[in-house]
Every structure is written in structure tokens, then in C-alpha cells.
Amino acid sequence: MKIPTQRQVAYVRNSFPIGTRVELVEMDDVQAPPVGTEGTVIFVDDMADVAVAWDNGSTLSAVYGVDYIKKV
């Protein structure tokens, strides 16, 4: 896993501020919600992972550089 720079973390935080609605495009996790599931950003951590409260009840984070989400 590549550790993001502070600049990359800042970019992700600016791109996905708290409250942003997102849709899951791809997630490399056996417990991932189905592709297309929507949710709300809770926070972005210091590794640039985006914590999401998914509409299905899950709170799994999208991992920086591994998983893909998009704004809706």
C-alpha cells in the first residue's frame, strides 16, 4: 500500500467533504456493499481513506488508491 502525501490527503478531503453523496464504483473487500450503492461521506482520514455511511447500513471506508467512488 502506498502512503499518500499530505498534499494528496488534502486533495481527497477537498474533493469529498463531509456530507458529500457518493456512489460505489468498485471496492476490493468481501464485505463491500453492492456496486451502485450510495452513501454519505462521514470523514476522510489521514491515509486519504473516505469513510462512508452507506445507505444499506454499512460504514465501510473507500481505501485510497484501491477502491473507487464517485460523487452523485
Protein backbone atom coordinates (compact mmCIF):
# COMPACT_ATOMS: atom_id res chain seq x y z
CA MET A 1 0.00 0.00 0.00
CA LYS A 2 1.34 3.39 -0.97
CA ILE A 3 1.19 6.05 1.75
CA PRO A 4 -0.37 9.25 0.40
CA THR A 5 1.37 12.60 0.80
CA GLN A 6 -0.19 15.39 2.84
CA ARG A 7 -1.00 17.09 -0.44
CA GLN A 8 -2.90 14.02 -1.67
CA VAL A 9 -4.81 13.79 1.62
CA ALA A 10 -5.76 17.46 1.33
CA TYR A 11 -6.90 16.91 -2.26
CA VAL A 12 -9.16 14.00 -1.25
CA ARG A 13 -10.57 15.98 1.70
CA ASN A 14 -11.36 18.88 -0.63
CA SER A 15 -12.88 16.53 -3.22
CA PHE A 16 -15.06 14.64 -0.73
CA PRO A 17 -16.05 16.99 2.12
CA ILE A 18 -18.24 15.70 4.94
CA GLY A 19 -21.81 15.29 3.74
CA THR A 20 -20.93 14.61 0.09
CA ARG A 21 -23.15 11.99 -1.52
CA VAL A 22 -21.19 9.25 -3.30
CA GLU A 23 -21.80 6.05 -5.25
CA LEU A 24 -19.67 2.92 -5.03
CA VAL A 25 -17.99 2.05 -8.34
CA GLU A 26 -15.57 -0.65 -7.15
CA MET A 27 -14.37 -1.92 -3.76
CA ASP A 28 -11.85 -4.69 -3.08
CA ASP A 29 -13.48 -6.08 0.07
CA VAL A 30 -15.60 -9.19 0.63
CA GLN A 31 -17.91 -7.16 2.89
CA ALA A 32 -18.32 -4.32 0.39
CA PRO A 33 -21.79 -3.05 -0.38
CA PRO A 34 -23.05 -3.84 -3.88
CA VAL A 35 -21.68 -1.71 -6.72
CA GLY A 36 -24.02 1.24 -7.23
CA THR A 37 -24.80 1.62 -3.52
CA GLU A 38 -24.96 5.26 -2.48
CA GLY A 39 -23.88 6.81 0.79
CA THR A 40 -22.76 9.94 2.61
CA VAL A 41 -19.15 10.87 3.42
CA ILE A 42 -18.52 10.93 7.20
CA PHE A 43 -14.85 11.99 7.09
CA VAL A 44 -11.53 11.49 5.30
CA ASP A 45 -8.77 10.04 7.47
CA ASP A 46 -5.02 10.76 7.45
CA MET A 47 -4.45 7.97 4.89
CA ALA A 48 -6.94 9.63 2.49
CA ASP A 49 -9.45 6.81 3.02
CA VAL A 50 -13.02 8.09 2.64
CA ALA A 51 -15.32 6.90 5.44
CA VAL A 52 -18.85 6.49 4.09
CA ALA A 53 -22.16 5.81 5.79
CA TRP A 54 -23.66 3.63 3.07
CA ASP A 55 -27.43 3.68 2.59
CA ASN A 56 -27.56 -0.07 3.28
CA GLY A 57 -26.30 0.49 6.86
CA SER A 58 -22.61 -0.29 6.30
CA THR A 59 -19.89 2.20 7.29
CA LEU A 60 -17.01 0.73 5.31
CA SER A 61 -14.34 3.16 4.05
CA ALA A 62 -13.20 3.51 0.46
CA VAL A 63 -9.44 2.90 0.55
CA TYR A 64 -7.29 5.49 -1.24
CA GLY A 65 -5.79 4.12 -4.45
CA VAL A 66 -7.64 0.80 -4.18
CA ASP A 67 -11.40 1.44 -4.14
CA TYR A 68 -13.38 3.75 -6.39
CA ILE A 69 -16.27 6.05 -5.52
CA LYS A 70 -17.83 8.94 -7.40
CA LYS A 71 -19.94 11.92 -6.43
CA VAL A 72 -23.64 11.77 -7.18
